[in-house]
């Protein structure tokens, strides 16, 4: 039986550290549901969306293709259009935009446009 718990040494591999304080965060705290854009399927909560952004961010330089052009993402960056996030999280694009704006206002993310 695997007995790893919160008092065990850190595991090596693909993981992120998350503060316990996130549970009570006013923007991304637990229990903050979002009305789904498509009611026939579930939507990410605000916390799930936040963790998804953190998990999608690259931990080392990584090359992606955007509209036929190679883009190198640096550590901490991700490429994700609002339309893509909207479909992924099952939120309206307006809800995604407002959520990202709130995160930006709290300096939790920075957005920049990719120029082609």
PDB file of N, CA and C in Angstrom:
ATOM      1  N   UNK A   1       0.841  -1.176   0.000  1.00  0.00           N
ATOM      2  CA  UNK A   1       0.000   0.000   0.000  1.00  0.00           C
ATOM      3  C   UNK A   1       0.889   1.242   0.000  1.00  0.00           C
ATOM      4  N   UNK A   2       0.527   2.225  -0.814  1.00  0.00           N
ATOM      5  CA  UNK A   2       1.247   3.488  -0.888  1.00  0.00           C
ATOM      6  C   UNK A   2       0.829   4.348   0.301  1.00  0.00           C
ATOM      7  N   UNK A   3       1.767   4.702   1.160  1.00  0.00           N
ATOM      8  CA  UNK A   3       1.458   5.437   2.384  1.00  0.00           C
ATOM      9  C   UNK A   3       1.887   6.904   2.316  1.00  0.00           C
ATOM     10  N   UNK A   4       2.083   7.439   1.099  1.00  0.00           N
ATOM     11  CA  UNK A   4       2.479   8.850   1.012  1.00  0.00           C
ATOM     12  C   UNK A   4       1.359   9.735   1.538  1.00  0.00           C
ATOM     13  N   UNK A   5       1.731  10.712   2.304  1.00  0.00           N
ATOM     14  CA  UNK A   5       0.769  11.668   2.843  1.00  0.00           C
ATOM     15  C   UNK A   5       1.419  13.023   2.967  1.00  0.00           C
ATOM     16  N   UNK A   6       0.770  13.938   3.645  1.00  0.00           N
ATOM     17  CA  UNK A   6       1.293  15.296   3.720  1.00  0.00           C
ATOM     18  C   UNK A   6       2.560  15.414   4.554  1.00  0.00           C
ATOM     19  N   UNK A   7       2.923  14.411   5.318  1.00  0.00           N
ATOM     20  CA  UNK A   7       4.139  14.474   6.117  1.00  0.00           C
ATOM     21  C   UNK A   7       5.289  13.681   5.493  1.00  0.00           C
ATOM     22  N   UNK A   8       5.117  13.254   4.262  1.00  0.00           N
ATOM     23  CA  UNK A   8       6.137  12.476   3.583  1.00  0.00           C
ATOM     24  C   UNK A   8       7.033  13.390   2.746  1.00  0.00           C
ATOM     25  N   UNK A   9       8.233  12.912   2.404  1.00  0.00           N
ATOM     26  CA  UNK A   9       9.105  13.720   1.555  1.00  0.00           C
ATOM     27  C   UNK A   9       8.450  13.975   0.199  1.00  0.00           C
ATOM     28  N   UNK A  10       8.821  15.081  -0.475  1.00  0.00           N
ATOM     29  CA  UNK A  10       8.214  15.372  -1.768  1.00  0.00           C
ATOM     30  C   UNK A  10       8.510  14.281  -2.787  1.00  0.00           C
ATOM     31  N   UNK A  11       7.513  14.024  -3.630  1.00  0.00           N
ATOM     32  CA  UNK A  11       7.681  13.054  -4.701  1.00  0.00           C
ATOM     33  C   UNK A  11       8.393  13.735  -5.858  1.00  0.00           C
ATOM     34  N   UNK A  12       9.160  12.979  -6.588  1.00  0.00           N
ATOM     35  CA  UNK A  12       9.736  13.517  -7.808  1.00  0.00           C
ATOM     36  C   UNK A  12       8.732  13.294  -8.922  1.00  0.00           C
ATOM     37  N   UNK A  13       8.710  14.165  -9.871  1.00  0.00           N
ATOM     38  CA  UNK A  13       7.808  13.975 -10.988  1.00  0.00           C
ATOM     39  C   UNK A  13       6.977  15.204 -11.295  1.00  0.00           C
ATOM     40  N   UNK A  14       5.843  14.962 -11.850  1.00  0.00           N
ATOM     41  CA  UNK A  14       4.984  15.994 -12.415  1.00  0.00           C
ATOM     42  C   UNK A  14       3.970  16.469 -11.379  1.00  0.00           C
ATOM     43  N   UNK A  15       4.345  17.444 -10.549  1.00  0.00           N
ATOM     44  CA  UNK A  15       3.462  17.899  -9.487  1.00  0.00           C
ATOM     45  C   UNK A  15       3.605  19.404  -9.304  1.00  0.00           C
ATOM     46  N   UNK A  16       2.660  20.013  -8.615  1.00  0.00           N
ATOM     47  CA  UNK A  16       2.717  21.421  -8.233  1.00  0.00           C
ATOM     48  C   UNK A  16       2.441  21.522  -6.742  1.00  0.00           C
ATOM     49  N   UNK A  17       2.959  22.565  -6.118  1.00  0.00           N
ATOM     50  CA  UNK A  17       2.676  22.822  -4.704  1.00  0.00           C
ATOM     51  C   UNK A  17       1.505  23.800  -4.619  1.00  0.00           C
ATOM     52  N   UNK A  18       0.544  23.523  -3.771  1.00  0.00           N
ATOM     53  CA  UNK A  18      -0.626  24.379  -3.605  1.00  0.00           C
ATOM     54  C   UNK A  18      -0.784  24.710  -2.127  1.00  0.00           C
ATOM     55  N   UNK A  19      -0.910  25.995  -1.825  1.00  0.00           N
ATOM     56  CA  UNK A  19      -1.101  26.420  -0.447  1.00  0.00           C
ATOM     57  C   UNK A  19      -2.488  26.011   0.046  1.00  0.00           C
ATOM     58  N   UNK A  20      -2.572  25.623   1.292  1.00  0.00           N
ATOM     59  CA  UNK A  20      -3.874  25.311   1.885  1.00  0.00           C
ATOM     60  C   UNK A  20      -4.775  26.543   1.939  1.00  0.00           C
ATOM     61  N   UNK A  21      -4.171  27.729   1.926  1.00  0.00           N
ATOM     62  CA  UNK A  21      -4.932  28.975   1.984  1.00  0.00           C
ATOM     63  C   UNK A  21      -5.837  29.166   0.769  1.00  0.00           C
ATOM     64  N   UNK A  22      -5.571  28.451  -0.316  1.00  0.00           N
ATOM     65  CA  UNK A  22      -6.378  28.601  -1.522  1.00  0.00           C
ATOM     66  C   UNK A  22      -7.837  28.245  -1.250  1.00  0.00           C
ATOM     67  N   UNK A  23      -8.075  27.402  -0.280  1.00  0.00           N
ATOM     68  CA  UNK A  23      -9.454  26.995   0.034  1.00  0.00           C
ATOM     69  C   UNK A  23     -10.353  28.177   0.328  1.00  0.00           C
ATOM     70  N   UNK A  24      -9.804  29.225   0.948  1.00  0.00           N
ATOM     71  CA  UNK A  24     -10.594  30.384   1.373  1.00  0.00           C
ATOM     72  C   UNK A  24     -10.344  31.629   0.519  1.00  0.00           C
ATOM     73  N   UNK A  25      -9.683  31.468  -0.599  1.00  0.00           N
ATOM     74  CA  UNK A  25      -9.358  32.624  -1.442  1.00  0.00           C
ATOM     75  C   UNK A  25     -10.637  33.225  -2.033  1.00  0.00           C
ATOM     76  N   UNK A  26     -10.771  34.566  -2.030  1.00  0.00           N
ATOM     77  CA  UNK A  26     -12.018  35.176  -2.503  1.00  0.00           C
ATOM     78  C   UNK A  26     -12.309  34.958  -3.996  1.00  0.00           C
ATOM     79  N   UNK A  27     -11.299  34.731  -4.807  1.00  0.00           N
ATOM     80  CA  UNK A  27     -11.527  34.536  -6.244  1.00  0.00           C
ATOM     81  C   UNK A  27     -11.520  33.058  -6.618  1.00  0.00           C
ATOM     82  N   UNK A  28     -10.591  32.298  -6.072  1.00  0.00           N
ATOM     83  CA  UNK A  28     -10.431  30.906  -6.505  1.00  0.00           C
ATOM     84  C   UNK A  28     -10.637  29.900  -5.377  1.00  0.00           C
ATOM     85  N   UNK A  29     -11.268  30.324  -4.295  1.00  0.00           N
ATOM     86  CA  UNK A  29     -11.507  29.428  -3.173  1.00  0.00           C
ATOM     87  C   UNK A  29     -12.478  28.313  -3.497  1.00  0.00           C
ATOM     88  N   UNK A  30     -12.492  27.332  -2.652  1.00  0.00           N
ATOM     89  CA  UNK A  30     -13.363  26.173  -2.844  1.00  0.00           C
ATOM     90  C   UNK A  30     -14.827  26.577  -2.822  1.00  0.00           C
ATOM     91  N   UNK A  31     -15.651  25.812  -3.531  1.00  0.00           N
ATOM     92  CA  UNK A  31     -17.095  25.968  -3.488  1.00  0.00           C
ATOM     93  C   UNK A  31     -17.651  27.081  -4.348  1.00  0.00           C
ATOM     94  N   UNK A  32     -16.853  27.632  -5.249  1.00  0.00           N
ATOM     95  CA  UNK A  32     -17.330  28.708  -6.113  1.00  0.00           C
ATOM     96  C   UNK A  32     -17.663  28.140  -7.486  1.00  0.00           C
ATOM     97  N   UNK A  33     -18.881  27.696  -7.621  1.00  0.00           N
ATOM     98  CA  UNK A  33     -19.298  27.089  -8.885  1.00  0.00           C
ATOM     99  C   UNK A  33     -19.584  28.168  -9.918  1.00  0.00           C
ATOM    100  N   UNK A  34     -19.612  27.743 -11.168  1.00  0.00           N
ATOM    101  CA  UNK A  34     -19.881  28.636 -12.292  1.00  0.00           C
ATOM    102  C   UNK A  34     -20.998  28.015 -13.112  1.00  0.00           C
ATOM    103  N   UNK A  35     -21.917  28.838 -13.573  1.00  0.00           N
ATOM    104  CA  UNK A  35     -23.006  28.349 -14.413  1.00  0.00           C
ATOM    105  C   UNK A  35     -22.432  27.841 -15.731  1.00  0.00           C
ATOM    106  N   UNK A  36     -22.729  26.594 -16.097  1.00  0.00           N
ATOM    107  CA  UNK A  36     -22.171  26.058 -17.337  1.00  0.00           C
ATOM    108  C   UNK A  36     -22.739  26.753 -18.573  1.00  0.00           C
ATOM    109  N   UNK A  37     -21.887  26.920 -19.575  1.00  0.00           N
ATOM    110  CA  UNK A  37     -22.350  27.460 -20.857  1.00  0.00           C
ATOM    111  C   UNK A  37     -23.260  26.443 -21.528  1.00  0.00           C
ATOM    112  N   UNK A  38     -22.908  25.168 -21.411  1.00  0.00           N
ATOM    113  CA  UNK A  38     -23.712  24.069 -21.958  1.00  0.00           C
ATOM    114  C   UNK A  38     -24.257  23.272 -20.771  1.00  0.00           C
ATOM    115  N   UNK A  39     -25.528  23.430 -20.438  1.00  0.00           N
ATOM    116  CA  UNK A  39     -26.091  22.770 -19.253  1.00  0.00           C
ATOM    117  C   UNK A  39     -26.086  21.243 -19.319  1.00  0.00           C
ATOM    118  N   UNK A  40     -25.816  20.682 -20.490  1.00  0.00           N
ATOM    119  CA  UNK A  40     -25.817  19.219 -20.606  1.00  0.00           C
ATOM    120  C   UNK A  40     -24.530  18.595 -20.076  1.00  0.00           C
ATOM    121  N   UNK A  41     -23.555  19.416 -19.724  1.00  0.00           N
ATOM    122  CA  UNK A  41     -22.319  18.872 -19.140  1.00  0.00           C
ATOM    123  C   UNK A  41     -21.834  19.781 -18.023  1.00  0.00           C
ATOM    124  N   UNK A  42     -21.034  19.244 -17.155  1.00  0.00           N
ATOM    125  CA  UNK A  42     -20.556  19.989 -15.997  1.00  0.00           C
ATOM    126  C   UNK A  42     -19.557  21.065 -16.367  1.00  0.00           C
ATOM    127  N   UNK A  43     -19.415  22.037 -15.483  1.00  0.00           N
ATOM    128  CA  UNK A  43     -18.467  23.134 -15.672  1.00  0.00           C
ATOM    129  C   UNK A  43     -17.399  23.076 -14.580  1.00  0.00           C
ATOM    130  N   UNK A  44     -16.230  23.575 -14.898  1.00  0.00           N
ATOM    131  CA  UNK A  44     -15.181  23.705 -13.899  1.00  0.00           C
ATOM    132  C   UNK A  44     -15.623  24.723 -12.851  1.00  0.00           C
ATOM    133  N   UNK A  45     -15.236  24.510 -11.610  1.00  0.00           N
ATOM    134  CA  UNK A  45     -15.404  25.539 -10.578  1.00  0.00           C
ATOM    135  C   UNK A  45     -14.294  26.567 -10.776  1.00  0.00           C
ATOM    136  N   UNK A  46     -14.362  27.669 -10.055  1.00  0.00           N
ATOM    137  CA  UNK A  46     -13.286  28.665 -10.146  1.00  0.00           C
ATOM    138  C   UNK A  46     -11.954  28.067  -9.701  1.00  0.00           C
ATOM    139  N   UNK A  47     -11.979  27.259  -8.652  1.00  0.00           N
ATOM    140  CA  UNK A  47     -10.749  26.645  -8.179  1.00  0.00           C
ATOM    141  C   UNK A  47     -10.179  25.686  -9.217  1.00  0.00           C
ATOM    142  N   UNK A  48     -11.035  24.896  -9.828  1.00  0.00           N
ATOM    143  CA  UNK A  48     -10.565  23.968 -10.861  1.00  0.00           C
ATOM    144  C   UNK A  48      -9.977  24.732 -12.048  1.00  0.00           C
ATOM    145  N   UNK A  49     -10.602  25.839 -12.424  1.00  0.00           N
ATOM    146  CA  UNK A  49     -10.086  26.645 -13.525  1.00  0.00           C
ATOM    147  C   UNK A  49      -8.713  27.228 -13.167  1.00  0.00           C
ATOM    148  N   UNK A  50      -8.573  27.732 -11.941  1.00  0.00           N
ATOM    149  CA  UNK A  50      -7.294  28.286 -11.488  1.00  0.00           C
ATOM    150  C   UNK A  50      -6.212  27.205 -11.512  1.00  0.00           C
ATOM    151  N   UNK A  51      -6.525  26.044 -10.956  1.00  0.00           N
ATOM    152  CA  UNK A  51      -5.523  24.971 -10.944  1.00  0.00           C
ATOM    153  C   UNK A  51      -5.214  24.504 -12.366  1.00  0.00           C
ATOM    154  N   UNK A  52      -6.207  24.523 -13.243  1.00  0.00           N
ATOM    155  CA  UNK A  52      -5.965  24.158 -14.633  1.00  0.00           C
ATOM    156  C   UNK A  52      -4.972  25.125 -15.268  1.00  0.00           C
ATOM    157  N   UNK A  53      -5.128  26.430 -15.022  1.00  0.00           N
ATOM    158  CA  UNK A  53      -4.165  27.402 -15.541  1.00  0.00           C
ATOM    159  C   UNK A  53      -2.764  27.124 -15.014  1.00  0.00           C
ATOM    160  N   UNK A  54      -2.661  26.883 -13.718  1.00  0.00           N
ATOM    161  CA  UNK A  54      -1.354  26.607 -13.107  1.00  0.00           C
ATOM    162  C   UNK A  54      -0.741  25.344 -13.705  1.00  0.00           C
ATOM    163  N   UNK A  55      -1.555  24.312 -13.892  1.00  0.00           N
ATOM    164  CA  UNK A  55      -1.045  23.050 -14.431  1.00  0.00           C
ATOM    165  C   UNK A  55      -0.695  23.140 -15.911  1.00  0.00           C
ATOM    166  N   UNK A  56      -1.367  24.017 -16.644  1.00  0.00           N
ATOM    167  CA  UNK A  56      -1.065  24.197 -18.068  1.00  0.00           C
ATOM    168  C   UNK A  56       0.187  25.043 -18.289  1.00  0.00           C
ATOM    169  N   UNK A  57       0.565  25.854 -17.303  1.00  0.00           N
ATOM    170  CA  UNK A  57       1.767  26.678 -17.440  1.00  0.00           C
ATOM    171  C   UNK A  57       2.990  25.776 -17.573  1.00  0.00           C
ATOM    172  N   UNK A  58       3.887  26.152 -18.451  1.00  0.00           N
ATOM    173  CA  UNK A  58       5.085  25.344 -18.706  1.00  0.00           C
ATOM    174  C   UNK A  58       6.076  25.490 -17.567  1.00  0.00           C
ATOM    175  N   UNK A  59       6.774  24.412 -17.256  1.00  0.00           N
ATOM    176  CA  UNK A  59       7.778  24.470 -16.194  1.00  0.00           C
ATOM    177  C   UNK A  59       9.175  24.633 -16.754  1.00  0.00           C
ATOM    178  N   UNK A  60       9.306  24.560 -18.079  1.00  0.00           N
ATOM    179  CA  UNK A  60      10.571  24.835 -18.760  1.00  0.00           C
ATOM    180  C   UNK A  60      10.209  25.293 -20.176  1.00  0.00           C
ATOM    181  N   UNK A  61      11.133  25.943 -20.890  1.00  0.00           N
ATOM    182  CA  UNK A  61      10.802  26.399 -22.243  1.00  0.00           C
ATOM    183  C   UNK A  61      10.228  25.258 -23.099  1.00  0.00           C
ATOM    184  N   UNK A  62       9.203  25.621 -23.867  1.00  0.00           N
ATOM    185  CA  UNK A  62       8.468  24.620 -24.643  1.00  0.00           C
ATOM    186  C   UNK A  62       7.935  25.287 -25.903  1.00  0.00           C
ATOM    187  N   UNK A  63       8.133  24.636 -27.040  1.00  0.00           N
ATOM    188  CA  UNK A  63       7.684  25.219 -28.297  1.00  0.00           C
ATOM    189  C   UNK A  63       6.309  24.684 -28.694  1.00  0.00           C
ATOM    190  N   UNK A  64       5.419  25.606 -29.047  1.00  0.00           N
ATOM    191  CA  UNK A  64       4.080  25.267 -29.534  1.00  0.00           C
ATOM    192  C   UNK A  64       3.889  25.966 -30.873  1.00  0.00           C
ATOM    193  N   UNK A  65       2.874  25.539 -31.595  1.00  0.00           N
ATOM    194  CA  UNK A  65       2.540  26.193 -32.857  1.00  0.00           C
ATOM    195  C   UNK A  65       1.197  26.902 -32.700  1.00  0.00           C
ATOM    196  N   UNK A  66       1.179  28.162 -33.102  1.00  0.00           N
ATOM    197  CA  UNK A  66      -0.022  28.979 -33.030  1.00  0.00           C
ATOM    198  C   UNK A  66      -0.238  29.609 -34.401  1.00  0.00           C
ATOM    199  N   UNK A  67      -1.324  29.222 -35.045  1.00  0.00           N
ATOM    200  CA  UNK A  67      -1.652  29.751 -36.372  1.00  0.00           C
ATOM    201  C   UNK A  67      -0.494  29.557 -37.344  1.00  0.00           C
ATOM    202  N   UNK A  68       0.135  28.381 -37.270  1.00  0.00           N
ATOM    203  CA  UNK A  68       1.202  28.039 -38.205  1.00  0.00           C
ATOM    204  C   UNK A  68       2.577  28.581 -37.855  1.00  0.00           C
ATOM    205  N   UNK A  69       2.690  29.324 -36.760  1.00  0.00           N
ATOM    206  CA  UNK A  69       3.983  29.882 -36.360  1.00  0.00           C
ATOM    207  C   UNK A  69       4.438  29.252 -35.052  1.00  0.00           C
ATOM    208  N   UNK A  70       5.745  28.989 -34.974  1.00  0.00           N
ATOM    209  CA  UNK A  70       6.320  28.443 -33.746  1.00  0.00           C
ATOM    210  C   UNK A  70       6.418  29.548 -32.696  1.00  0.00           C
ATOM    211  N   UNK A  71       5.968  29.236 -31.494  1.00  0.00           N
ATOM    212  CA  UNK A  71       6.038  30.158 -30.359  1.00  0.00           C
ATOM    213  C   UNK A  71       6.717  29.403 -29.226  1.00  0.00           C
ATOM    214  N   UNK A  72       7.746  30.002 -28.647  1.00  0.00           N
ATOM    215  CA  UNK A  72       8.411  29.377 -27.506  1.00  0.00           C
ATOM    216  C   UNK A  72       7.847  29.964 -26.227  1.00  0.00           C
ATOM    217  N   UNK A  73       7.218  29.104 -25.444  1.00  0.00           N
ATOM    218  CA  UNK A  73       6.696  29.508 -24.142  1.00  0.00           C
ATOM    219  C   UNK A  73       7.791  29.328 -23.107  1.00  0.00           C
ATOM    220  N   UNK A  74       7.918  30.290 -22.230  1.00  0.00           N
ATOM    221  CA  UNK A  74       8.909  30.220 -21.163  1.00  0.00           C
ATOM    222  C   UNK A  74       8.265  29.662 -19.901  1.00  0.00           C
ATOM    223  N   UNK A  75       9.088  29.371 -18.918  1.00  0.00           N
ATOM    224  CA  UNK A  75       8.594  28.872 -17.632  1.00  0.00           C
ATOM    225  C   UNK A  75       7.500  29.807 -17.106  1.00  0.00           C
ATOM    226  N   UNK A  76       6.356  29.218 -16.724  1.00  0.00           N
ATOM    227  CA  UNK A  76       5.244  29.980 -16.181  1.00  0.00           C
ATOM    228  C   UNK A  76       4.261  30.482 -17.221  1.00  0.00           C
ATOM    229  N   UNK A  77       4.568  30.315 -18.497  1.00  0.00           N
ATOM    230  CA  UNK A  77       3.660  30.788 -19.541  1.00  0.00           C
ATOM    231  C   UNK A  77       2.798  29.654 -20.077  1.00  0.00           C
ATOM    232  N   UNK A  78       1.638  30.033 -20.612  1.00  0.00           N
ATOM    233  CA  UNK A  78       0.791  29.088 -21.334  1.00  0.00           C
ATOM    234  C   UNK A  78       0.139  29.835 -22.476  1.00  0.00           C
ATOM    235  N   UNK A  79      -0.277  29.098 -23.474  1.00  0.00           N
ATOM    236  CA  UNK A  79      -0.985  29.674 -24.595  1.00  0.00           C
ATOM    237  C   UNK A  79      -2.407  29.163 -24.527  1.00  0.00           C
ATOM    238  N   UNK A  80      -3.350  30.069 -24.287  1.00  0.00           N
ATOM    239  CA  UNK A  80      -4.736  29.648 -24.157  1.00  0.00           C
ATOM    240  C   UNK A  80      -5.685  30.787 -24.455  1.00  0.00           C
ATOM    241  N   UNK A  81      -6.314  30.751 -25.605  1.00  0.00           N
ATOM    242  CA  UNK A  81      -7.289  31.778 -25.963  1.00  0.00           C
ATOM    243  C   UNK A  81      -8.537  31.637 -25.108  1.00  0.00           C
ATOM    244  N   UNK A  82      -9.245  32.733 -24.929  1.00  0.00           N
ATOM    245  CA  UNK A  82     -10.484  32.686 -24.142  1.00  0.00           C
ATOM    246  C   UNK A  82     -11.470  31.679 -24.718  1.00  0.00           C
ATOM    247  N   UNK A  83     -11.563  31.590 -26.040  1.00  0.00           N
ATOM    248  CA  UNK A  83     -12.487  30.631 -26.663  1.00  0.00           C
ATOM    249  C   UNK A  83     -12.107  29.204 -26.288  1.00  0.00           C
ATOM    250  N   UNK A  84     -10.810  28.911 -26.257  1.00  0.00           N
ATOM    251  CA  UNK A  84     -10.338  27.572 -25.891  1.00  0.00           C
ATOM    252  C   UNK A  84     -10.658  27.287 -24.420  1.00  0.00           C
ATOM    253  N   UNK A  85     -10.373  28.263 -23.548  1.00  0.00           N
ATOM    254  CA  UNK A  85     -10.669  28.087 -22.129  1.00  0.00           C
ATOM    255  C   UNK A  85     -12.171  27.943 -21.913  1.00  0.00           C
ATOM    256  N   UNK A  86     -12.959  28.699 -22.651  1.00  0.00           N
ATOM    257  CA  UNK A  86     -14.411  28.629 -22.551  1.00  0.00           C
ATOM    258  C   UNK A  86     -14.917  27.217 -22.847  1.00  0.00           C
ATOM    259  N   UNK A  87     -14.431  26.637 -23.921  1.00  0.00           N
ATOM    260  CA  UNK A  87     -14.839  25.263 -24.261  1.00  0.00           C
ATOM    261  C   UNK A  87     -14.331  24.268 -23.220  1.00  0.00           C
ATOM    262  N   UNK A  88     -13.104  24.429 -22.811  1.00  0.00           N
ATOM    263  CA  UNK A  88     -12.471  23.497 -21.862  1.00  0.00           C
ATOM    264  C   UNK A  88     -13.194  23.489 -20.515  1.00  0.00           C
ATOM    265  N   UNK A  89     -13.529  24.690 -20.021  1.00  0.00           N
ATOM    266  CA  UNK A  89     -14.138  24.819 -18.699  1.00  0.00           C
ATOM    267  C   UNK A  89     -15.652  24.787 -18.748  1.00  0.00           C
ATOM    268  N   UNK A  90     -16.230  24.863 -19.940  1.00  0.00           N
ATOM    269  CA  UNK A  90     -17.682  24.951 -20.139  1.00  0.00           C
ATOM    270  C   UNK A  90     -18.242  26.218 -19.479  1.00  0.00           C
ATOM    271  N   UNK A  91     -17.554  27.325 -19.731  1.00  0.00           N
ATOM    272  CA  UNK A  91     -17.977  28.636 -19.277  1.00  0.00           C
ATOM    273  C   UNK A  91     -18.271  29.479 -20.514  1.00  0.00           C
ATOM    274  N   UNK A  92     -19.031  30.561 -20.344  1.00  0.00           N
ATOM    275  CA  UNK A  92     -19.193  31.520 -21.436  1.00  0.00           C
ATOM    276  C   UNK A  92     -17.872  32.277 -21.596  1.00  0.00           C
ATOM    277  N   UNK A  93     -17.639  32.813 -22.789  1.00  0.00           N
ATOM    278  CA  UNK A  93     -16.408  33.598 -22.993  1.00  0.00           C
ATOM    279  C   UNK A  93     -16.393  34.831 -22.095  1.00  0.00           C
ATOM    280  N   UNK A  94     -17.558  35.419 -21.839  1.00  0.00           N
ATOM    281  CA  UNK A  94     -17.629  36.576 -20.948  1.00  0.00           C
ATOM    282  C   UNK A  94     -17.194  36.190 -19.534  1.00  0.00           C
ATOM    283  N   UNK A  95     -17.634  35.029 -19.055  1.00  0.00           N
ATOM    284  CA  UNK A  95     -17.247  34.568 -17.716  1.00  0.00           C
ATOM    285  C   UNK A  95     -15.744  34.345 -17.647  1.00  0.00           C
ATOM    286  N   UNK A  96     -15.161  33.760 -18.694  1.00  0.00           N
ATOM    287  CA  UNK A  96     -13.706  33.552 -18.746  1.00  0.00           C
ATOM    288  C   UNK A  96     -13.009  34.907 -18.704  1.00  0.00           C
ATOM    289  N   UNK A  97     -13.459  35.865 -19.523  1.00  0.00           N
ATOM    290  CA  UNK A  97     -12.829  37.187 -19.574  1.00  0.00           C
ATOM    291  C   UNK A  97     -12.858  37.857 -18.206  1.00  0.00           C
ATOM    292  N   UNK A  98     -14.004  37.831 -17.538  1.00  0.00           N
ATOM    293  CA  UNK A  98     -14.134  38.461 -16.223  1.00  0.00           C
ATOM    294  C   UNK A  98     -13.237  37.762 -15.199  1.00  0.00           C
ATOM    295  N   UNK A  99     -13.186  36.428 -15.232  1.00  0.00           N
ATOM    296  CA  UNK A  99     -12.343  35.665 -14.321  1.00  0.00           C
ATOM    297  C   UNK A  99     -10.868  36.035 -14.517  1.00  0.00           C
ATOM    298  N   UNK A 100     -10.421  36.071 -15.764  1.00  0.00           N
ATOM    299  CA  UNK A 100      -9.022  36.428 -16.048  1.00  0.00           C
ATOM    300  C   UNK A 100      -8.740  37.858 -15.598  1.00  0.00           C
ATOM    301  N   UNK A 101      -9.677  38.773 -15.831  1.00  0.00           N
ATOM    302  CA  UNK A 101      -9.504  40.162 -15.384  1.00  0.00           C
ATOM    303  C   UNK A 101      -9.358  40.250 -13.871  1.00  0.00           C
ATOM    304  N   UNK A 102     -10.143  39.466 -13.139  1.00  0.00           N
ATOM    305  CA  UNK A 102     -10.025  39.445 -11.673  1.00  0.00           C
ATOM    306  C   UNK A 102      -8.666  38.905 -11.241  1.00  0.00           C
ATOM    307  N   UNK A 103      -8.200  37.848 -11.901  1.00  0.00           N
ATOM    308  CA  UNK A 103      -6.880  37.293 -11.589  1.00  0.00           C
ATOM    309  C   UNK A 103      -5.778  38.314 -11.887  1.00  0.00           C
ATOM    310  N   UNK A 104      -5.924  39.040 -12.994  1.00  0.00           N
ATOM    311  CA  UNK A 104      -4.946  40.072 -13.341  1.00  0.00           C
ATOM    312  C   UNK A 104      -4.938  41.189 -12.303  1.00  0.00           C
ATOM    313  N   UNK A 105      -6.112  41.598 -11.848  1.00  0.00           N
ATOM    314  CA  UNK A 105      -6.210  42.674 -10.860  1.00  0.00           C
ATOM    315  C   UNK A 105      -5.517  42.306  -9.553  1.00  0.00           C
ATOM    316  N   UNK A 106      -5.473  41.012  -9.247  1.00  0.00           N
ATOM    317  CA  UNK A 106      -4.808  40.536  -8.024  1.00  0.00           C
ATOM    318  C   UNK A 106      -3.376  40.087  -8.282  1.00  0.00           C
ATOM    319  N   UNK A 107      -2.867  40.346  -9.498  1.00  0.00           N
ATOM    320  CA  UNK A 107      -1.506  39.968  -9.899  1.00  0.00           C
ATOM    321  C   UNK A 107      -1.254  38.468  -9.814  1.00  0.00           C
ATOM    322  N   UNK A 108      -2.313  37.694 -10.083  1.00  0.00           N
ATOM    323  CA  UNK A 108      -2.198  36.233 -10.075  1.00  0.00           C
ATOM    324  C   UNK A 108      -1.855  35.690 -11.461  1.00  0.00           C
ATOM    325  N   UNK A 109      -2.153  36.478 -12.493  1.00  0.00           N
ATOM    326  CA  UNK A 109      -1.766  36.166 -13.876  1.00  0.00           C
ATOM    327  C   UNK A 109      -1.475  37.471 -14.602  1.00  0.00           C
ATOM    328  N   UNK A 110      -0.761  37.353 -15.693  1.00  0.00           N
ATOM    329  CA  UNK A 110      -0.551  38.472 -16.611  1.00  0.00           C
ATOM    330  C   UNK A 110      -0.877  37.963 -17.997  1.00  0.00           C
ATOM    331  N   UNK A 111      -1.676  38.712 -18.726  1.00  0.00           N
ATOM    332  CA  UNK A 111      -2.022  38.329 -20.100  1.00  0.00           C
ATOM    333  C   UNK A 111      -1.208  39.152 -21.062  1.00  0.00           C
ATOM    334  N   UNK A 112      -0.861  38.533 -22.174  1.00  0.00           N
ATOM    335  CA  UNK A 112      -0.236  39.277 -23.263  1.00  0.00           C
ATOM    336  C   UNK A 112      -0.726  38.660 -24.563  1.00  0.00           C
ATOM    337  N   UNK A 113      -0.876  39.480 -25.544  1.00  0.00           N
ATOM    338  CA  UNK A 113      -1.329  39.008 -26.839  1.00  0.00           C
ATOM    339  C   UNK A 113      -0.155  38.477 -27.635  1.00  0.00           C
ATOM    340  N   UNK A 114      -0.361  37.360 -28.317  1.00  0.00           N
ATOM    341  CA  UNK A 114       0.661  36.807 -29.195  1.00  0.00           C
ATOM    342  C   UNK A 114       0.509  37.510 -30.535  1.00  0.00           C
ATOM    343  N   UNK A 115       1.577  38.133 -30.971  1.00  0.00           N
ATOM    344  CA  UNK A 115       1.547  38.847 -32.253  1.00  0.00           C
ATOM    345  C   UNK A 115       1.977  37.891 -33.354  1.00  0.00           C
ATOM    346  N   UNK A 116       1.211  37.867 -34.438  1.00  0.00           N
ATOM    347  CA  UNK A 116       1.567  37.023 -35.595  1.00  0.00           C
ATOM    348  C   UNK A 116       2.153  37.871 -36.698  1.00  0.00           C
TER     349      UNK A 116
END
